[in-house]
Amino acid sequence: MARTIELYDMLKDKLGEKESRLLIETIENITEKVKAEAATKADLELEVAKIKEDLTRLEMRLIKWVLGTGVGVVTFLYALLKGIKF
């Protein structure tokens, strides 16, 4: 609060009372909005946990796909080689 008064006193001479007050109110409003919108450490930790969970699910889907494809290829090769008689 003391800094606000000092700033007001410095600006009052150059800008006038009304403009100085308006400028300081605008700065305070912007500061409050930034503080309200700033992410906290807990917010960031929650987002990191969500991303890790999504990556785990994606990894499991990829493993299933790779194993399924591998089984399909082995089955196809077995059937192909069994059909060919030497």
C-alpha atoms as a PDB file:
ATOM      1  CA  MET A   1       0.000   0.000   0.000  1.00  0.00           C
ATOM      2  CA  ALA A   2       2.876   2.356   0.775  1.00  0.00           C
ATOM      3  CA  ARG A   3       4.292   1.862  -2.713  1.00  0.00           C
ATOM      4  CA  THR A   4       0.908   2.705  -4.197  1.00  0.00           C
ATOM      5  CA  ILE A   5       0.855   5.984  -2.294  1.00  0.00           C
ATOM      6  CA  GLU A   6       4.408   6.767  -3.371  1.00  0.00           C
ATOM      7  CA  LEU A   7       3.558   6.005  -6.983  1.00  0.00           C
ATOM      8  CA  TYR A   8       0.437   8.145  -6.761  1.00  0.00           C
ATOM      9  CA  ASP A   9       2.410  11.070  -5.340  1.00  0.00           C
ATOM     10  CA  MET A  10       5.013  10.770  -8.106  1.00  0.00           C
ATOM     11  CA  LEU A  11       2.435  10.567 -10.882  1.00  0.00           C
ATOM     12  CA  LYS A  12       0.086  13.195  -9.473  1.00  0.00           C
ATOM     13  CA  ASP A  13       2.384  16.050 -10.421  1.00  0.00           C
ATOM     14  CA  LYS A  14       2.956  14.813 -13.959  1.00  0.00           C
ATOM     15  CA  LEU A  15      -0.434  13.342 -14.874  1.00  0.00           C
ATOM     16  CA  GLY A  16      -2.872  14.964 -12.501  1.00  0.00           C
ATOM     17  CA  GLU A  17      -4.958  13.428  -9.727  1.00  0.00           C
ATOM     18  CA  LYS A  18      -7.668  11.843 -11.865  1.00  0.00           C
ATOM     19  CA  GLU A  19      -5.299  10.251 -14.374  1.00  0.00           C
ATOM     20  CA  SER A  20      -2.913   9.060 -11.645  1.00  0.00           C
ATOM     21  CA  ARG A  21      -5.743   7.416  -9.745  1.00  0.00           C
ATOM     22  CA  LEU A  22      -7.051   5.792 -12.943  1.00  0.00           C
ATOM     23  CA  LEU A  23      -3.588   4.467 -13.854  1.00  0.00           C
ATOM     24  CA  ILE A  24      -3.027   3.001 -10.395  1.00  0.00           C
ATOM     25  CA  GLU A  25      -6.490   1.349 -10.392  1.00  0.00           C
ATOM     26  CA  THR A  26      -5.766  -0.147 -13.782  1.00  0.00           C
ATOM     27  CA  ILE A  27      -2.431  -1.517 -12.594  1.00  0.00           C
ATOM     28  CA  GLU A  28      -4.073  -3.000  -9.480  1.00  0.00           C
ATOM     29  CA  ASN A  29      -6.856  -4.607 -11.559  1.00  0.00           C
ATOM     30  CA  ILE A  30      -4.348  -6.170 -13.930  1.00  0.00           C
ATOM     31  CA  THR A  31      -2.273  -7.425 -10.997  1.00  0.00           C
ATOM     32  CA  GLU A  32      -5.328  -9.044  -9.396  1.00  0.00           C
ATOM     33  CA  LYS A  33      -6.298 -10.733 -12.671  1.00  0.00           C
ATOM     34  CA  VAL A  34      -2.793 -12.114 -13.163  1.00  0.00           C
ATOM     35  CA  LYS A  35      -2.715 -13.468  -9.615  1.00  0.00           C
ATOM     36  CA  ALA A  36      -6.137 -15.085 -10.084  1.00  0.00           C
ATOM     37  CA  GLU A  37      -5.121 -16.735 -13.363  1.00  0.00           C
ATOM     38  CA  ALA A  38      -1.642 -17.841 -12.336  1.00  0.00           C
ATOM     39  CA  ALA A  39      -1.154 -21.576 -12.097  1.00  0.00           C
ATOM     40  CA  THR A  40      -0.198 -22.874  -8.707  1.00  0.00           C
ATOM     41  CA  LYS A  41       2.227 -25.697  -8.029  1.00  0.00           C
ATOM     42  CA  ALA A  42      -0.706 -27.997  -7.201  1.00  0.00           C
ATOM     43  CA  ASP A  43      -2.333 -27.190 -10.565  1.00  0.00           C
ATOM     44  CA  LEU A  44       0.863 -28.055 -12.387  1.00  0.00           C
ATOM     45  CA  GLU A  45       1.300 -31.302 -10.442  1.00  0.00           C
ATOM     46  CA  LEU A  46      -2.278 -32.287 -11.300  1.00  0.00           C
ATOM     47  CA  GLU A  47      -1.646 -31.637 -14.999  1.00  0.00           C
ATOM     48  CA  VAL A  48       1.577 -33.655 -14.896  1.00  0.00           C
ATOM     49  CA  ALA A  49      -0.306 -36.561 -13.296  1.00  0.00           C
ATOM     50  CA  LYS A  50      -2.965 -36.416 -16.029  1.00  0.00           C
ATOM     51  CA  ILE A  51      -0.324 -36.407 -18.756  1.00  0.00           C
ATOM     52  CA  LYS A  52       1.465 -39.389 -17.186  1.00  0.00           C
ATOM     53  CA  GLU A  53      -1.837 -41.277 -17.009  1.00  0.00           C
ATOM     54  CA  ASP A  54      -2.543 -40.517 -20.676  1.00  0.00           C
ATOM     55  CA  LEU A  55       0.947 -41.667 -21.656  1.00  0.00           C
ATOM     56  CA  THR A  56       0.492 -44.915 -19.732  1.00  0.00           C
ATOM     57  CA  ARG A  57      -2.786 -45.609 -21.529  1.00  0.00           C
ATOM     58  CA  LEU A  58      -1.189 -44.815 -24.885  1.00  0.00           C
ATOM     59  CA  GLU A  59       1.739 -47.072 -24.107  1.00  0.00           C
ATOM     60  CA  MET A  60      -0.614 -49.960 -23.257  1.00  0.00           C
ATOM     61  CA  ARG A  61      -2.547 -49.469 -26.501  1.00  0.00           C
ATOM     62  CA  LEU A  62       0.707 -49.435 -28.455  1.00  0.00           C
ATOM     63  CA  ILE A  63       1.915 -52.638 -26.779  1.00  0.00           C
ATOM     64  CA  LYS A  64      -1.394 -54.373 -27.577  1.00  0.00           C
ATOM     65  CA  TRP A  65      -1.165 -53.253 -31.188  1.00  0.00           C
ATOM     66  CA  VAL A  66       2.432 -54.426 -31.585  1.00  0.00           C
ATOM     67  CA  LEU A  67       1.729 -57.797 -29.963  1.00  0.00           C
ATOM     68  CA  GLY A  68      -1.428 -58.286 -32.014  1.00  0.00           C
ATOM     69  CA  THR A  69       0.403 -57.481 -35.217  1.00  0.00           C
ATOM     70  CA  GLY A  70       3.255 -59.783 -34.260  1.00  0.00           C
ATOM     71  CA  VAL A  71       0.896 -62.675 -33.594  1.00  0.00           C
ATOM     72  CA  GLY A  72      -0.834 -62.000 -36.905  1.00  0.00           C
ATOM     73  CA  VAL A  73       2.449 -62.006 -38.818  1.00  0.00           C
ATOM     74  CA  VAL A  74       3.646 -65.218 -37.178  1.00  0.00           C
ATOM     75  CA  THR A  75       0.309 -66.908 -37.901  1.00  0.00           C
ATOM     76  CA  PHE A  76       0.413 -65.779 -41.521  1.00  0.00           C
ATOM     77  CA  LEU A  77       3.979 -66.995 -41.985  1.00  0.00           C
ATOM     78  CA  TYR A  78       3.156 -70.351 -40.370  1.00  0.00           C
ATOM     79  CA  ALA A  79       0.154 -70.809 -42.649  1.00  0.00           C
ATOM     80  CA  LEU A  80       2.165 -69.728 -45.680  1.00  0.00           C
ATOM     81  CA  LEU A  81       5.078 -72.060 -44.901  1.00  0.00           C
ATOM     82  CA  LYS A  82       2.777 -74.970 -44.050  1.00  0.00           C
ATOM     83  CA  GLY A  83       1.061 -74.555 -47.407  1.00  0.00           C
ATOM     84  CA  ILE A  84       4.366 -74.788 -49.272  1.00  0.00           C
ATOM     85  CA  LYS A  85       5.663 -78.326 -49.496  1.00  0.00           C
ATOM     86  CA  PHE A  86       9.284 -78.934 -50.271  1.00  0.00           C
END
